[in-house]
Amino acid sequence: MSGLLDRYVLRETVQAWLVVTVVLLLILVTNQFATVVGDAAADKLPRDAIFRVMGLTSVQYLTILVPVGLFLAIMLALARLYHDSEMAAMMACGVGPTDLYRPVLLLAGVLAVLVGVLAIVVSPAAVREVKVLAEEAKRAATLGLLEPGRFLSFNNGEAVLYAEAVTPDDHLHRVFVQRRVGPRTEVIIADEAWARTTPGKDARVLTFARGRRYEGVPGQPQFRVIEFAEHGIPYALQPRAGGTLPPEARSSLALYRSGTADDLAELHWRIGVPLTLFVLAIIAVPLARTEPRKGRFSGLAPAVLLYVVYANLLAAGKGWLERGQLPAWAGLWWVHALFLLVAGGMLAVQQGWWARLRFRRQRP
């Protein structure tokens, strides 16, 4: 009988978890899609990498949504059983609240492995990949940042470009360019211009069509004027950003070897993700208990409030670790332990353990 009931509770919880997680993920991805499209339009991201960035972002969201989804799924699944008096029938068969932990912790164990891999390995790699895509787009988008009627500095500040119009195919019309080459100054005026990438080099070539080029040294009367049908000048792409990656983009092994306050705080945060999932699963079981006459969603408000307090304490603890206000050995363990005590207290009250203990103490 217990195996049959375990499978039934597990099936109800898995179904609720899938629905909750998919709905929350769709909401977040829909909101993020507008931001990613805007960044692509502003040449902050490659336009052909929109869906790739969305996929990488979704991986980062899952590290948060999987624990939250499980927490709400347990609440919804067990609340339905209480509301429909199915839990009362189970209890009549000898199934108590502690027996519900068998299917719940089985699911939590599987999801903890999944979310642990996401938080410790996959998510940092996704952050690095998005950072690389944004950097490459920034390097290659020099002319894409040009707005008609405004001057743009490029080639590391050695040249200034102006165009009256920019067509959707990134062709510039009625173009003016001034650049310095040693002591000389060059001015180019052309009807049209466009850029092309030099294969295998961190440079591009800006090609002009139907124009004139003026060369000379400022203050001297000798200037050379050249008319051309087509003329190209190379310019360097922005250099790749150097320096170390932010903690959220570094590998967990690199964070451990670094030992700095910021890196250890990020490492404790990643390790705490699967622990958070377990703690939320344990809390959800006593928190889901409702009277049959009450609504199925009557326990969601205190559950959400409890999760907000939990998440804020974790965020505050991470900030204290980064600022050195907490020792590294303390990490975020104290937050998880505190809420495990809360879950144990709720379970003790519901099971009558606390009342029996008080009764024994009051006996002569």
Protein backbone atom coordinates (compact mmCIF):
# COMPACT_ATOMS: atom_id res chain seq x y z
CA MET A 1 0.00 0.00 0.00
CA SER A 2 2.76 2.44 0.91
CA GLY A 3 4.48 1.93 -2.46
CA LEU A 4 1.25 2.65 -4.32
CA LEU A 5 0.63 5.83 -2.32
CA ASP A 6 4.25 6.91 -2.79
CA ARG A 7 3.92 6.59 -6.55
CA TYR A 8 0.64 8.50 -6.47
CA VAL A 9 2.09 11.40 -4.45
CA LEU A 10 5.22 11.37 -6.63
CA ARG A 11 3.16 11.53 -9.83
CA GLU A 12 1.05 14.43 -8.52
CA THR A 13 4.15 16.34 -7.45
CA VAL A 14 6.03 15.76 -10.71
CA GLN A 15 3.07 16.94 -12.78
CA ALA A 16 2.69 20.07 -10.67
CA TRP A 17 6.45 20.72 -10.82
CA LEU A 18 6.53 20.49 -14.61
CA VAL A 19 3.60 22.88 -15.00
CA VAL A 20 4.92 25.42 -12.48
CA THR A 21 8.48 25.37 -13.83
CA VAL A 22 7.44 25.66 -17.48
CA VAL A 23 5.04 28.54 -16.74
CA LEU A 24 7.63 30.46 -14.71
CA LEU A 25 10.31 29.83 -17.34
CA LEU A 26 8.05 31.07 -20.14
CA ILE A 27 7.30 34.25 -18.18
CA LEU A 28 10.97 34.99 -17.58
CA VAL A 29 12.06 34.07 -21.11
CA THR A 30 9.32 36.23 -22.63
CA ASN A 31 10.46 39.21 -20.60
CA GLN A 32 14.10 38.53 -21.43
CA PHE A 33 13.37 38.16 -25.14
CA ALA A 34 12.53 41.86 -25.49
CA THR A 35 15.81 42.78 -23.78
CA VAL A 36 17.88 40.45 -25.97
CA VAL A 37 16.23 41.71 -29.17
CA GLY A 38 16.89 45.29 -28.05
CA ASP A 39 20.56 44.49 -27.40
CA ALA A 40 20.82 42.86 -30.82
CA ALA A 41 19.23 45.89 -32.48
CA ALA A 42 21.76 48.12 -30.68
CA ASP A 43 24.60 45.84 -31.85
CA LYS A 44 25.38 44.78 -28.29
CA LEU A 45 24.78 41.16 -29.33
CA PRO A 46 25.11 39.38 -32.69
CA ARG A 47 21.74 39.30 -34.44
CA ASP A 48 22.22 35.70 -35.52
CA ALA A 49 22.84 34.63 -31.90
CA ILE A 50 19.54 35.77 -30.37
CA PHE A 51 18.17 32.27 -29.81
CA ARG A 52 21.55 31.04 -28.62
CA VAL A 53 21.66 33.79 -26.01
CA MET A 54 18.08 33.00 -25.02
CA GLY A 55 19.02 29.36 -24.49
CA LEU A 56 22.05 30.28 -22.39
CA THR A 57 19.94 32.68 -20.35
CA SER A 58 17.30 30.00 -19.79
CA VAL A 59 19.98 27.74 -18.29
CA GLN A 60 20.79 30.45 -15.76
CA TYR A 61 17.10 30.86 -14.94
CA LEU A 62 16.69 27.14 -14.28
CA THR A 63 19.09 27.25 -11.32
CA ILE A 64 16.51 29.45 -9.58
CA LEU A 65 13.31 28.08 -11.06
CA VAL A 66 13.90 24.40 -10.32
CA PRO A 67 13.98 24.86 -6.49
CA VAL A 68 11.13 27.38 -6.56
CA GLY A 69 9.10 25.18 -8.89
CA LEU A 70 9.56 22.15 -6.62
CA PHE A 71 8.58 24.18 -3.55
CA LEU A 72 5.36 25.43 -5.16
CA ALA A 73 4.65 22.02 -6.74
CA ILE A 74 4.77 20.26 -3.37
CA MET A 75 2.54 22.95 -1.92
CA LEU A 76 -0.01 22.64 -4.72
CA ALA A 77 0.02 18.83 -4.94
CA LEU A 78 -0.33 18.19 -1.22
CA ALA A 79 -2.81 21.04 -0.75
CA ARG A 80 -5.06 19.38 -3.34
CA LEU A 81 -4.86 16.10 -1.48
CA TYR A 82 -5.81 17.82 1.77
CA HIS A 83 -8.60 19.82 0.10
CA ASP A 84 -10.15 16.76 -1.59
CA SER A 85 -9.92 14.74 1.67
CA GLU A 86 -7.58 12.27 -0.02
CA MET A 87 -5.00 12.92 2.65
CA ALA A 88 -7.55 12.04 5.32
CA ALA A 89 -8.10 8.70 3.58
CA MET A 90 -4.33 8.12 3.45
CA MET A 91 -4.00 8.88 7.15
CA ALA A 92 -6.79 6.39 7.85
CA CYS A 93 -4.55 3.82 6.12
CA GLY A 94 -1.69 4.69 8.47
CA VAL A 95 0.13 7.22 6.27
CA GLY A 96 1.37 10.16 8.32
CA PRO A 97 2.94 13.49 7.28
CA THR A 98 6.44 12.08 7.73
CA ASP A 99 5.65 9.30 5.24
CA LEU A 100 5.14 11.95 2.57
CA TYR A 101 8.85 12.66 2.67
CA ARG A 102 9.68 9.40 0.85
CA PRO A 103 8.35 10.46 -2.59
CA VAL A 104 9.11 14.13 -1.98
CA LEU A 105 12.77 13.58 -1.08
CA LEU A 106 13.16 11.07 -3.92
CA LEU A 107 12.15 13.75 -6.40
CA ALA A 108 14.20 16.35 -4.53
CA GLY A 109 17.30 14.13 -4.76
CA VAL A 110 16.99 13.78 -8.54
CA LEU A 111 16.39 17.49 -9.03
CA ALA A 112 19.20 18.39 -6.61
CA VAL A 113 21.69 16.53 -8.81
CA LEU A 114 20.33 18.33 -11.88
CA VAL A 115 20.35 21.80 -10.34
CA GLY A 116 23.76 21.16 -8.75
CA VAL A 117 25.29 20.46 -12.16
CA LEU A 118 23.55 23.53 -13.57
CA ALA A 119 24.71 25.85 -10.78
CA ILE A 120 28.26 24.56 -10.38
CA VAL A 121 29.23 23.73 -13.98
CA VAL A 122 26.72 24.73 -16.67
CA SER A 123 25.53 28.16 -15.54
CA PRO A 124 29.04 29.70 -15.17
CA ALA A 125 29.91 28.39 -18.64
CA ALA A 126 26.70 29.97 -20.00
CA VAL A 127 27.60 33.31 -18.41
CA ARG A 128 31.05 33.16 -20.00
CA GLU A 129 29.57 32.33 -23.41
CA VAL A 130 27.14 35.27 -23.28
CA LYS A 131 29.99 37.56 -22.23
CA VAL A 132 32.10 36.39 -25.18
CA LEU A 133 29.22 36.93 -27.62
CA ALA A 134 28.61 40.44 -26.28
CA GLU A 135 32.30 41.28 -26.50
CA GLU A 136 32.62 40.06 -30.08
CA ALA A 137 29.52 42.00 -31.09
CA LYS A 138 30.92 45.14 -29.49
CA ARG A 139 34.21 44.73 -31.34
CA ALA A 140 32.53 44.20 -34.71
CA ALA A 141 29.81 46.82 -34.38
CA THR A 142 31.80 50.01 -34.72
CA LEU A 143 29.95 51.22 -37.81
CA GLY A 144 26.71 49.68 -36.61
CA LEU A 145 26.73 52.22 -33.77
CA LEU A 146 26.67 55.09 -36.24
CA GLU A 147 23.55 57.24 -36.20
CA PRO A 148 22.75 59.38 -39.25
CA GLY A 149 23.72 63.01 -38.77
CA ARG A 150 26.09 62.34 -35.85
CA PHE A 151 29.87 61.97 -35.67
CA LEU A 152 31.41 58.63 -34.64
CA SER A 153 34.96 58.12 -33.43
CA PHE A 154 36.61 54.83 -34.42
CA ASN A 155 40.00 53.21 -35.03
CA ASN A 156 40.95 53.87 -31.39
CA GLY A 157 40.07 57.54 -31.67
CA GLU A 158 42.31 58.26 -34.68
CA ALA A 159 39.42 58.82 -37.09
CA VAL A 160 36.05 60.56 -37.12
CA LEU A 161 33.19 59.44 -39.36
CA TYR A 162 29.99 61.21 -40.38
CA ALA A 163 27.18 60.05 -42.66
CA GLU A 164 23.94 61.73 -43.63
CA ALA A 165 22.10 58.42 -44.08
CA VAL A 166 22.49 54.74 -43.20
CA THR A 167 20.56 52.08 -45.12
CA PRO A 168 19.41 48.76 -43.59
CA ASP A 169 22.24 46.93 -45.39
CA ASP A 170 24.76 49.06 -43.40
CA HIS A 171 25.74 51.20 -46.36
CA LEU A 172 26.60 54.81 -45.54
CA HIS A 173 25.62 57.66 -47.87
CA ARG A 174 27.17 61.12 -48.23
CA VAL A 175 30.11 60.27 -46.02
CA PHE A 176 32.77 62.46 -44.42
CA VAL A 177 35.88 60.99 -42.73
CA GLN A 178 38.84 62.70 -41.11
CA ARG A 179 41.79 60.73 -39.78
CA ARG A 180 45.35 61.39 -38.67
CA VAL A 181 48.28 59.41 -40.09
CA GLY A 182 51.37 60.59 -38.27
CA PRO A 183 51.72 64.35 -38.84
CA ARG A 184 49.40 64.27 -41.85
CA THR A 185 45.64 64.70 -41.88
CA GLU A 186 43.42 62.94 -44.40
CA VAL A 187 39.89 63.99 -45.25
CA ILE A 188 37.68 61.78 -47.41
CA ILE A 189 34.34 62.81 -48.87
CA ALA A 190 32.38 60.13 -50.72
CA ASP A 191 28.90 59.37 -51.96
CA GLU A 192 28.80 55.91 -50.36
CA ALA A 193 30.77 53.67 -47.98
CA TRP A 194 30.54 50.21 -46.48
CA ALA A 195 32.69 47.97 -44.28
CA ARG A 196 33.98 44.45 -44.80
CA THR A 197 35.95 42.17 -42.47
CA THR A 198 39.53 41.20 -43.26
CA PRO A 199 39.80 37.40 -43.06
CA GLY A 200 41.95 36.18 -40.19
CA LYS A 201 42.73 39.65 -38.83
CA ASP A 202 41.29 41.84 -36.10
CA ALA A 203 40.64 44.59 -38.60
CA ARG A 204 38.08 45.75 -41.14
CA VAL A 205 38.29 47.72 -44.34
CA LEU A 206 36.05 50.74 -44.89
CA THR A 207 35.46 51.06 -48.64
CA PHE A 208 34.43 54.39 -50.18
CA ALA A 209 32.84 54.91 -53.58
CA ARG A 210 32.80 58.00 -55.81
CA GLY A 211 34.64 60.61 -53.80
CA ARG A 212 37.72 62.74 -53.10
CA ARG A 213 40.62 62.41 -50.68
CA TYR A 214 42.55 65.40 -49.33
CA GLU A 215 45.99 64.89 -47.76
CA GLY A 216 48.28 67.37 -46.05
CA VAL A 217 49.90 68.69 -42.90
CA PRO A 218 47.83 71.30 -41.04
CA GLY A 219 49.42 74.76 -41.32
CA GLN A 220 51.20 74.03 -44.60
CA PRO A 221 49.87 75.10 -48.02
CA GLN A 222 50.78 71.87 -49.86
CA PHE A 223 47.78 69.53 -50.07
CA ARG A 224 47.18 66.63 -52.40
CA VAL A 225 43.73 65.97 -53.85
CA ILE A 226 42.83 62.53 -55.22
CA GLU A 227 39.58 61.63 -56.96
CA PHE A 228 38.62 57.97 -56.83
CA ALA A 229 35.90 55.60 -57.95
CA GLU A 230 36.60 53.24 -55.05
CA HIS A 231 39.00 53.56 -52.16
CA GLY A 232 39.50 51.53 -48.94
CA ILE A 233 41.13 52.28 -45.63
CA PRO A 234 41.67 49.68 -42.88
CA TYR A 235 40.70 50.24 -39.27
CA ALA A 236 41.28 48.09 -36.20
CA LEU A 237 38.50 46.42 -34.27
CA GLN A 238 38.24 47.11 -30.57
CA PRO A 239 40.71 44.95 -28.65
CA ARG A 240 39.40 42.02 -26.72
CA ALA A 241 38.75 42.83 -23.12
CA GLY A 242 41.46 41.60 -20.82
CA GLY A 243 41.57 41.01 -17.10
CA THR A 244 39.85 38.44 -14.97
CA LEU A 245 36.28 37.34 -15.35
CA PRO A 246 33.66 38.32 -12.76
CA PRO A 247 33.01 35.65 -10.10
CA GLU A 248 29.70 34.55 -11.65
CA ALA A 249 31.49 33.72 -14.92
CA ARG A 250 34.44 31.84 -13.43
CA SER A 251 34.58 28.09 -12.99
CA SER A 252 33.91 26.67 -9.54
CA LEU A 253 37.42 25.19 -9.39
CA ALA A 254 38.91 28.63 -10.13
CA LEU A 255 36.77 30.15 -7.36
CA TYR A 256 37.99 27.55 -4.89
CA ARG A 257 41.63 28.07 -5.82
CA SER A 258 41.33 31.86 -5.69
CA GLY A 259 40.23 32.08 -2.07
CA THR A 260 39.22 35.76 -2.26
CA ALA A 261 36.10 36.92 -0.43
CA ASP A 262 34.12 37.55 -3.63
CA ASP A 263 35.02 34.20 -5.14
CA LEU A 264 34.26 32.22 -1.98
CA ALA A 265 30.91 33.98 -1.63
CA GLU A 266 30.02 32.96 -5.19
CA LEU A 267 31.19 29.40 -4.52
CA HIS A 268 29.04 29.13 -1.38
CA TRP A 269 26.11 30.48 -3.37
CA ARG A 270 26.49 27.78 -6.04
CA ILE A 271 26.87 24.98 -3.51
CA GLY A 272 23.82 26.31 -1.68
CA VAL A 273 21.50 25.94 -4.68
CA PRO A 274 20.90 22.16 -4.31
CA LEU A 275 20.80 22.60 -0.52
CA THR A 276 18.12 25.26 -0.95
CA LEU A 277 16.09 22.81 -3.02
CA PHE A 278 16.24 20.20 -0.24
CA VAL A 279 15.36 22.71 2.48
CA LEU A 280 12.39 24.04 0.50
CA ALA A 281 11.15 20.49 -0.12
CA ILE A 282 11.33 19.71 3.60
CA ILE A 283 9.54 22.94 4.56
CA ALA A 284 6.81 22.50 1.94
CA VAL A 285 5.43 19.27 3.45
CA PRO A 286 4.23 20.72 6.80
CA LEU A 287 3.48 24.07 5.19
CA ALA A 288 1.10 22.46 2.67
CA ARG A 289 -1.20 21.09 5.35
CA THR A 290 -4.64 22.75 5.12
CA GLU A 291 -8.10 22.04 6.43
CA PRO A 292 -10.52 20.48 3.91
CA ARG A 293 -12.90 23.43 4.20
CA LYS A 294 -10.23 25.97 3.31
CA GLY A 295 -9.23 26.84 -0.22
CA ARG A 296 -6.50 24.93 -2.02
CA PHE A 297 -4.36 28.05 -2.30
CA SER A 298 -4.80 29.33 1.25
CA GLY A 299 -1.26 28.26 2.18
CA LEU A 300 0.49 29.87 -0.80
CA ALA A 301 0.69 33.36 0.72
CA PRO A 302 2.67 32.31 3.83
CA ALA A 303 4.74 29.95 1.64
CA VAL A 304 5.74 32.76 -0.73
CA LEU A 305 6.51 35.02 2.25
CA LEU A 306 8.70 32.33 3.78
CA TYR A 307 10.55 31.86 0.49
CA VAL A 308 11.13 35.61 0.15
CA VAL A 309 12.65 35.73 3.64
CA TYR A 310 14.81 32.69 2.83
CA ALA A 311 16.04 34.15 -0.48
CA ASN A 312 16.75 37.56 1.06
CA LEU A 313 18.75 36.00 3.89
CA LEU A 314 20.81 34.05 1.35
CA ALA A 315 21.44 37.22 -0.66
CA ALA A 316 22.34 39.15 2.49
CA GLY A 317 24.66 36.37 3.62
CA LYS A 318 26.42 36.40 0.26
CA GLY A 319 26.89 40.16 0.55
CA TRP A 320 28.32 39.80 4.07
CA LEU A 321 30.75 37.17 2.81
CA GLU A 322 31.87 39.45 -0.05
CA ARG A 323 32.52 42.30 2.39
CA GLY A 324 34.30 40.06 4.88
CA GLN A 325 31.65 40.57 7.57
CA LEU A 326 31.24 36.79 7.87
CA PRO A 327 34.10 34.27 8.10
CA ALA A 328 34.55 32.09 5.03
CA TRP A 329 33.97 28.88 7.02
CA ALA A 330 30.49 30.08 8.02
CA GLY A 331 29.42 30.44 4.39
CA LEU A 332 25.68 30.25 3.93
CA TRP A 333 25.25 27.08 5.99
CA TRP A 334 23.67 28.98 8.86
CA VAL A 335 20.78 30.15 6.64
CA HIS A 336 19.97 26.60 5.51
CA ALA A 337 20.26 25.32 9.10
CA LEU A 338 17.92 28.04 10.36
CA PHE A 339 15.17 27.10 7.93
CA LEU A 340 15.68 23.39 8.59
CA LEU A 341 14.93 24.22 12.24
CA VAL A 342 11.82 26.08 11.11
CA ALA A 343 10.69 23.00 9.16
CA GLY A 344 11.41 20.75 12.12
CA GLY A 345 9.45 23.02 14.44
CA MET A 346 6.44 23.07 12.12
CA LEU A 347 6.54 19.29 11.78
CA ALA A 348 6.87 18.84 15.56
CA VAL A 349 3.79 20.98 16.16
CA GLN A 350 1.71 19.16 13.54
CA GLN A 351 2.77 15.71 14.76
CA GLY A 352 2.08 16.62 18.37
CA TRP A 353 5.69 15.99 19.39
CA TRP A 354 5.93 19.38 21.07
CA ALA A 355 2.65 18.87 22.96
CA ARG A 356 3.73 15.41 24.18
CA LEU A 357 7.08 16.79 25.30
CA ARG A 358 5.39 19.54 27.29
CA PHE A 359 2.99 17.03 28.80
CA ARG A 360 5.84 14.82 29.96
CA ARG A 361 7.60 17.77 31.54
CA GLN A 362 4.46 18.83 33.37
CA ARG A 363 3.86 15.34 34.84
CA PRO A 364 4.90 15.05 38.49
